[in-house]
Amino acid sequence: MNINTATKVVSIKKKNGIAQVTVEDSKGGNPRVLEAEMVIVSIGRKPYVTGLGAKDIGIRFNQYGQIKINS
C-alpha cells in the first residue's frame, strides 16, 4: 500500500481492471500516473455548492464552505 500526501488527484480511469490515477503535487507540478488494483480514498476536495440553491432551502455552511452538521 502506498500513501501519497500533498498530492491532488487529477483523474482516475479504469483500464483492463487496473485503476490509472493521474496525480500531481498539490501546489501544481508535473502530472504522473500511478497504477493500482484499487483506490481506497481520495480526500481534500473543495466543496462545490455555489449556485445550487442550498441556502434557499435552509442548508447551513461552516466557515470552510462545508455543510454544517451536528456532533
PDB file of N, CA and C in Angstrom:
ATOM      1  N   MET A   1       0.850  -1.165   0.000  1.00  0.00           N
ATOM      2  CA  MET A   1       0.000   0.000   0.000  1.00  0.00           C
ATOM      3  C   MET A   1       0.893   1.225   0.000  1.00  0.00           C
ATOM      4  N   ASN A   2       0.513   2.217  -0.819  1.00  0.00           N
ATOM      5  CA  ASN A   2       1.218   3.496  -0.859  1.00  0.00           C
ATOM      6  C   ASN A   2       0.281   4.591  -0.414  1.00  0.00           C
ATOM      7  N   ILE A   3       0.810   5.514   0.375  1.00  0.00           N
ATOM      8  CA  ILE A   3       0.046   6.679   0.810  1.00  0.00           C
ATOM      9  C   ILE A   3       0.760   7.903   0.273  1.00  0.00           C
ATOM     10  N   ASN A   4       0.030   8.720  -0.478  1.00  0.00           N
ATOM     11  CA  ASN A   4       0.598   9.938  -1.055  1.00  0.00           C
ATOM     12  C   ASN A   4      -0.032  11.137  -0.374  1.00  0.00           C
ATOM     13  N   THR A   5       0.800  12.002   0.207  1.00  0.00           N
ATOM     14  CA  THR A   5       0.300  13.219   0.839  1.00  0.00           C
ATOM     15  C   THR A   5       0.713  14.408  -0.019  1.00  0.00           C
ATOM     16  N   ALA A   6       0.082  15.550   0.219  1.00  0.00           N
ATOM     17  CA  ALA A   6       0.351  16.773  -0.544  1.00  0.00           C
ATOM     18  C   ALA A   6       0.264  16.498  -2.042  1.00  0.00           C
ATOM     19  N   THR A   7      -0.711  15.675  -2.400  1.00  0.00           N
ATOM     20  CA  THR A   7      -0.900  15.252  -3.783  1.00  0.00           C
ATOM     21  C   THR A   7      -2.361  15.412  -4.142  1.00  0.00           C
ATOM     22  N   LYS A   8      -2.632  15.926  -5.339  1.00  0.00           N
ATOM     23  CA  LYS A   8      -4.025  16.020  -5.756  1.00  0.00           C
ATOM     24  C   LYS A   8      -4.284  15.052  -6.904  1.00  0.00           C
ATOM     25  N   VAL A   9      -5.475  14.482  -6.887  1.00  0.00           N
ATOM     26  CA  VAL A   9      -5.890  13.558  -7.930  1.00  0.00           C
ATOM     27  C   VAL A   9      -6.468  14.380  -9.071  1.00  0.00           C
ATOM     28  N   VAL A  10      -5.905  14.209 -10.254  1.00  0.00           N
ATOM     29  CA  VAL A  10      -6.375  14.920 -11.435  1.00  0.00           C
ATOM     30  C   VAL A  10      -7.460  14.108 -12.139  1.00  0.00           C
ATOM     31  N   SER A  11      -7.242  12.800 -12.254  1.00  0.00           N
ATOM     32  CA  SER A  11      -8.245  11.934 -12.875  1.00  0.00           C
ATOM     33  C   SER A  11      -7.991  10.489 -12.479  1.00  0.00           C
ATOM     34  N   ILE A  12      -9.048   9.690 -12.614  1.00  0.00           N
ATOM     35  CA  ILE A  12      -8.943   8.251 -12.392  1.00  0.00           C
ATOM     36  C   ILE A  12      -9.653   7.566 -13.551  1.00  0.00           C
ATOM     37  N   LYS A  13      -8.968   6.636 -14.190  1.00  0.00           N
ATOM     38  CA  LYS A  13      -9.558   5.852 -15.272  1.00  0.00           C
ATOM     39  C   LYS A  13      -9.307   4.383 -14.978  1.00  0.00           C
ATOM     40  N   LYS A  14     -10.202   3.546 -15.426  1.00  0.00           N
ATOM     41  CA  LYS A  14     -10.033   2.114 -15.240  1.00  0.00           C
ATOM     42  C   LYS A  14      -9.744   1.484 -16.601  1.00  0.00           C
ATOM     43  N   LYS A  15      -8.663   0.715 -16.677  1.00  0.00           N
ATOM     44  CA  LYS A  15      -8.273   0.073 -17.932  1.00  0.00           C
ATOM     45  C   LYS A  15      -7.863  -1.358 -17.634  1.00  0.00           C
ATOM     46  N   ASN A  16      -8.591  -2.299 -18.216  1.00  0.00           N
ATOM     47  CA  ASN A  16      -8.307  -3.722 -18.013  1.00  0.00           C
ATOM     48  C   ASN A  16      -8.274  -4.095 -16.527  1.00  0.00           C
ATOM     49  N   GLY A  17      -9.202  -3.531 -15.746  1.00  0.00           N
ATOM     50  CA  GLY A  17      -9.293  -3.860 -14.329  1.00  0.00           C
ATOM     51  C   GLY A  17      -8.282  -3.165 -13.444  1.00  0.00           C
ATOM     52  N   ILE A  18      -7.468  -2.272 -14.003  1.00  0.00           N
ATOM     53  CA  ILE A  18      -6.455  -1.548 -13.236  1.00  0.00           C
ATOM     54  C   ILE A  18      -6.823  -0.063 -13.213  1.00  0.00           C
ATOM     55  N   ALA A  19      -6.785   0.549 -12.019  1.00  0.00           N
ATOM     56  CA  ALA A  19      -7.035   1.980 -11.898  1.00  0.00           C
ATOM     57  C   ALA A  19      -5.777   2.738 -12.284  1.00  0.00           C
ATOM     58  N   GLN A  20      -5.937   3.674 -13.194  1.00  0.00           N
ATOM     59  CA  GLN A  20      -4.838   4.557 -13.578  1.00  0.00           C
ATOM     60  C   GLN A  20      -5.159   5.929 -13.011  1.00  0.00           C
ATOM     61  N   VAL A  21      -4.393   6.323 -12.003  1.00  0.00           N
ATOM     62  CA  VAL A  21      -4.659   7.547 -11.256  1.00  0.00           C
ATOM     63  C   VAL A  21      -3.620   8.593 -11.645  1.00  0.00           C
ATOM     64  N   THR A  22      -4.087   9.670 -12.263  1.00  0.00           N
ATOM     65  CA  THR A  22      -3.184  10.766 -12.603  1.00  0.00           C
ATOM     66  C   THR A  22      -3.158  11.716 -11.415  1.00  0.00           C
ATOM     67  N   VAL A  23      -1.963  11.965 -10.887  1.00  0.00           N
ATOM     68  CA  VAL A  23      -1.778  12.829  -9.719  1.00  0.00           C
ATOM     69  C   VAL A  23      -0.726  13.887 -10.017  1.00  0.00           C
ATOM     70  N   GLU A  24      -0.751  14.927  -9.213  1.00  0.00           N
ATOM     71  CA  GLU A  24       0.318  15.926  -9.252  1.00  0.00           C
ATOM     72  C   GLU A  24       0.448  16.522  -7.862  1.00  0.00           C
ATOM     73  N   ASP A  25       1.545  17.205  -7.609  1.00  0.00           N
ATOM     74  CA  ASP A  25       1.740  17.857  -6.319  1.00  0.00           C
ATOM     75  C   ASP A  25       0.591  18.820  -6.069  1.00  0.00           C
ATOM     76  N   SER A  26       0.168  18.967  -4.826  1.00  0.00           N
ATOM     77  CA  SER A  26      -0.982  19.811  -4.508  1.00  0.00           C
ATOM     78  C   SER A  26      -0.753  21.270  -4.896  1.00  0.00           C
ATOM     79  N   LYS A  27       0.494  21.689  -5.004  1.00  0.00           N
ATOM     80  CA  LYS A  27       0.799  23.063  -5.408  1.00  0.00           C
ATOM     81  C   LYS A  27       1.075  23.158  -6.900  1.00  0.00           C
ATOM     82  N   GLY A  28       0.748  22.120  -7.638  1.00  0.00           N
ATOM     83  CA  GLY A  28       0.999  22.094  -9.075  1.00  0.00           C
ATOM     84  C   GLY A  28       2.283  21.353  -9.368  1.00  0.00           C
ATOM     85  N   GLY A  29       2.469  21.009 -10.598  1.00  0.00           N
ATOM     86  CA  GLY A  29       3.689  20.304 -10.951  1.00  0.00           C
ATOM     87  C   GLY A  29       3.435  19.314 -12.051  1.00  0.00           C
ATOM     88  N   ASN A  30       4.422  18.527 -12.332  1.00  0.00           N
ATOM     89  CA  ASN A  30       4.311  17.555 -13.408  1.00  0.00           C
ATOM     90  C   ASN A  30       3.388  16.415 -13.015  1.00  0.00           C
ATOM     91  N   PRO A  31       2.343  16.186 -13.821  1.00  0.00           N
ATOM     92  CA  PRO A  31       1.462  15.060 -13.515  1.00  0.00           C
ATOM     93  C   PRO A  31       2.180  13.734 -13.717  1.00  0.00           C
ATOM     94  N   ARG A  32       1.773  12.732 -12.941  1.00  0.00           N
ATOM     95  CA  ARG A  32       2.312  11.387 -13.105  1.00  0.00           C
ATOM     96  C   ARG A  32       1.164  10.396 -12.932  1.00  0.00           C
ATOM     97  N   VAL A  33       1.300   9.233 -13.507  1.00  0.00           N
ATOM     98  CA  VAL A  33       0.243   8.227 -13.454  1.00  0.00           C
ATOM     99  C   VAL A  33       0.668   7.090 -12.534  1.00  0.00           C
ATOM    100  N   LEU A  34      -0.197   6.779 -11.567  1.00  0.00           N
ATOM    101  CA  LEU A  34       0.010   5.651 -10.672  1.00  0.00           C
ATOM    102  C   LEU A  34      -0.988   4.568 -11.066  1.00  0.00           C
ATOM    103  N   GLU A  35      -0.581   3.315 -11.004  1.00  0.00           N
ATOM    104  CA  GLU A  35      -1.478   2.216 -11.296  1.00  0.00           C
ATOM    105  C   GLU A  35      -1.739   1.423 -10.023  1.00  0.00           C
ATOM    106  N   ALA A  36      -2.995   1.002  -9.865  1.00  0.00           N
ATOM    107  CA  ALA A  36      -3.362   0.274  -8.654  1.00  0.00           C
ATOM    108  C   ALA A  36      -4.524  -0.655  -8.938  1.00  0.00           C
ATOM    109  N   GLU A  37      -4.605  -1.710  -8.137  1.00  0.00           N
ATOM    110  CA  GLU A  37      -5.758  -2.597  -8.224  1.00  0.00           C
ATOM    111  C   GLU A  37      -6.997  -1.911  -7.676  1.00  0.00           C
ATOM    112  N   MET A  38      -6.792  -1.043  -6.675  1.00  0.00           N
ATOM    113  CA  MET A  38      -7.916  -0.388  -6.014  1.00  0.00           C
ATOM    114  C   MET A  38      -7.469   0.966  -5.480  1.00  0.00           C
ATOM    115  N   VAL A  39      -8.342   1.945  -5.591  1.00  0.00           N
ATOM    116  CA  VAL A  39      -8.121   3.248  -4.972  1.00  0.00           C
ATOM    117  C   VAL A  39      -9.089   3.328  -3.805  1.00  0.00           C
ATOM    118  N   ILE A  40      -8.550   3.474  -2.603  1.00  0.00           N
ATOM    119  CA  ILE A  40      -9.399   3.426  -1.416  1.00  0.00           C
ATOM    120  C   ILE A  40     -10.020   4.790  -1.121  1.00  0.00           C
ATOM    121  N   VAL A  41      -9.219   5.854  -1.072  1.00  0.00           N
ATOM    122  CA  VAL A  41      -9.740   7.159  -0.683  1.00  0.00           C
ATOM    123  C   VAL A  41      -9.005   8.249  -1.446  1.00  0.00           C
ATOM    124  N   SER A  42      -9.748   9.230  -1.881  1.00  0.00           N
ATOM    125  CA  SER A  42      -9.161  10.450  -2.423  1.00  0.00           C
ATOM    126  C   SER A  42      -9.804  11.599  -1.671  1.00  0.00           C
ATOM    127  N   ILE A  43      -9.032  12.301  -0.827  1.00  0.00           N
ATOM    128  CA  ILE A  43      -9.617  13.343   0.017  1.00  0.00           C
ATOM    129  C   ILE A  43      -9.050  14.701  -0.340  1.00  0.00           C
ATOM    130  N   GLY A  44      -9.598  15.702   0.298  1.00  0.00           N
ATOM    131  CA  GLY A  44      -9.094  17.051   0.091  1.00  0.00           C
ATOM    132  C   GLY A  44      -9.835  17.786  -1.011  1.00  0.00           C
ATOM    133  N   ARG A  45     -11.045  17.384  -1.282  1.00  0.00           N
ATOM    134  CA  ARG A  45     -11.836  18.037  -2.308  1.00  0.00           C
ATOM    135  C   ARG A  45     -12.414  19.337  -1.768  1.00  0.00           C
ATOM    136  N   LYS A  46     -12.572  20.308  -2.629  1.00  0.00           N
ATOM    137  CA  LYS A  46     -13.193  21.565  -2.248  1.00  0.00           C
ATOM    138  C   LYS A  46     -14.700  21.448  -2.439  1.00  0.00           C
ATOM    139  N   PRO A  47     -15.478  22.000  -1.511  1.00  0.00           N
ATOM    140  CA  PRO A  47     -16.927  21.959  -1.679  1.00  0.00           C
ATOM    141  C   PRO A  47     -17.341  22.770  -2.901  1.00  0.00           C
ATOM    142  N   TYR A  48     -18.242  22.239  -3.672  1.00  0.00           N
ATOM    143  CA  TYR A  48     -18.788  22.943  -4.833  1.00  0.00           C
ATOM    144  C   TYR A  48     -20.286  23.103  -4.618  1.00  0.00           C
ATOM    145  N   VAL A  49     -20.682  24.205  -4.007  1.00  0.00           N
ATOM    146  CA  VAL A  49     -22.088  24.407  -3.674  1.00  0.00           C
ATOM    147  C   VAL A  49     -22.627  25.720  -4.222  1.00  0.00           C
ATOM    148  N   THR A  50     -21.785  26.529  -4.847  1.00  0.00           N
ATOM    149  CA  THR A  50     -22.211  27.814  -5.379  1.00  0.00           C
ATOM    150  C   THR A  50     -23.244  27.612  -6.479  1.00  0.00           C
ATOM    151  N   GLY A  51     -24.339  28.328  -6.351  1.00  0.00           N
ATOM    152  CA  GLY A  51     -25.362  28.288  -7.390  1.00  0.00           C
ATOM    153  C   GLY A  51     -26.311  27.106  -7.325  1.00  0.00           C
ATOM    154  N   LEU A  52     -26.210  26.278  -6.290  1.00  0.00           N
ATOM    155  CA  LEU A  52     -27.088  25.115  -6.178  1.00  0.00           C
ATOM    156  C   LEU A  52     -28.392  25.428  -5.453  1.00  0.00           C
ATOM    157  N   GLY A  53     -28.493  26.608  -4.852  1.00  0.00           N
ATOM    158  CA  GLY A  53     -29.699  26.990  -4.131  1.00  0.00           C
ATOM    159  C   GLY A  53     -29.822  26.342  -2.763  1.00  0.00           C
ATOM    160  N   ALA A  54     -28.732  25.803  -2.234  1.00  0.00           N
ATOM    161  CA  ALA A  54     -28.781  25.104  -0.949  1.00  0.00           C
ATOM    162  C   ALA A  54     -29.184  26.032   0.189  1.00  0.00           C
ATOM    163  N   LYS A  55     -28.673  27.254   0.189  1.00  0.00           N
ATOM    164  CA  LYS A  55     -29.037  28.206   1.260  1.00  0.00           C
ATOM    165  C   LYS A  55     -30.518  28.553   1.182  1.00  0.00           C
ATOM    166  N   ASP A  56     -31.083  28.551  -0.018  1.00  0.00           N
ATOM    167  CA  ASP A  56     -32.506  28.880  -0.190  1.00  0.00           C
ATOM    168  C   ASP A  56     -33.423  27.870   0.488  1.00  0.00           C
ATOM    169  N   ILE A  57     -32.938  26.637   0.666  1.00  0.00           N
ATOM    170  CA  ILE A  57     -33.777  25.618   1.311  1.00  0.00           C
ATOM    171  C   ILE A  57     -33.350  25.354   2.755  1.00  0.00           C
ATOM    172  N   GLY A  58     -32.471  26.233   3.281  1.00  0.00           N
ATOM    173  CA  GLY A  58     -32.147  26.165   4.700  1.00  0.00           C
ATOM    174  C   GLY A  58     -30.888  25.398   5.065  1.00  0.00           C
ATOM    175  N   ILE A  59     -30.113  24.977   4.100  1.00  0.00           N
ATOM    176  CA  ILE A  59     -28.857  24.283   4.422  1.00  0.00           C
ATOM    177  C   ILE A  59     -27.848  25.319   4.888  1.00  0.00           C
ATOM    178  N   ARG A  60     -27.203  25.036   6.021  1.00  0.00           N
ATOM    179  CA  ARG A  60     -26.216  25.954   6.590  1.00  0.00           C
ATOM    180  C   ARG A  60     -24.808  25.439   6.309  1.00  0.00           C
ATOM    181  N   PHE A  61     -23.861  26.374   6.245  1.00  0.00           N
ATOM    182  CA  PHE A  61     -22.476  26.035   5.934  1.00  0.00           C
ATOM    183  C   PHE A  61     -21.542  26.562   7.021  1.00  0.00           C
ATOM    184  N   ASN A  62     -20.413  25.868   7.210  1.00  0.00           N
ATOM    185  CA  ASN A  62     -19.411  26.342   8.161  1.00  0.00           C
ATOM    186  C   ASN A  62     -18.476  27.330   7.470  1.00  0.00           C
ATOM    187  N   GLN A  63     -17.443  27.775   8.173  1.00  0.00           N
ATOM    188  CA  GLN A  63     -16.528  28.782   7.635  1.00  0.00           C
ATOM    189  C   GLN A  63     -15.697  28.272   6.455  1.00  0.00           C
ATOM    190  N   TYR A  64     -15.681  26.957   6.235  1.00  0.00           N
ATOM    191  CA  TYR A  64     -14.921  26.378   5.125  1.00  0.00           C
ATOM    192  C   TYR A  64     -15.792  26.090   3.903  1.00  0.00           C
ATOM    193  N   GLY A  65     -17.084  26.435   3.991  1.00  0.00           N
ATOM    194  CA  GLY A  65     -17.986  26.181   2.889  1.00  0.00           C
ATOM    195  C   GLY A  65     -18.557  24.787   2.858  1.00  0.00           C
ATOM    196  N   GLN A  66     -18.331  24.014   3.936  1.00  0.00           N
ATOM    197  CA  GLN A  66     -18.858  22.660   4.032  1.00  0.00           C
ATOM    198  C   GLN A  66     -20.228  22.699   4.689  1.00  0.00           C
ATOM    199  N   ILE A  67     -21.065  21.711   4.380  1.00  0.00           N
ATOM    200  CA  ILE A  67     -22.377  21.639   5.010  1.00  0.00           C
ATOM    201  C   ILE A  67     -22.193  21.462   6.510  1.00  0.00           C
ATOM    202  N   LYS A  68     -22.856  22.316   7.284  1.00  0.00           N
ATOM    203  CA  LYS A  68     -22.742  22.289   8.742  1.00  0.00           C
ATOM    204  C   LYS A  68     -23.594  21.140   9.276  1.00  0.00           C
ATOM    205  N   ILE A  69     -22.988  20.317  10.120  1.00  0.00           N
ATOM    206  CA  ILE A  69     -23.692  19.180  10.728  1.00  0.00           C
ATOM    207  C   ILE A  69     -23.541  19.263  12.239  1.00  0.00           C
ATOM    208  N   ASN A  70     -24.324  18.441  12.934  1.00  0.00           N
ATOM    209  CA  ASN A  70     -24.185  18.401  14.389  1.00  0.00           C
ATOM    210  C   ASN A  70     -23.124  17.377  14.768  1.00  0.00           C
ATOM    211  N   SER A  71     -22.884  17.231  16.056  1.00  0.00           N
ATOM    212  CA  SER A  71     -21.841  16.303  16.508  1.00  0.00           C
ATOM    213  C   SER A  71     -22.232  14.861  16.221  1.00  0.00           C
TER     214      SER A  71
END
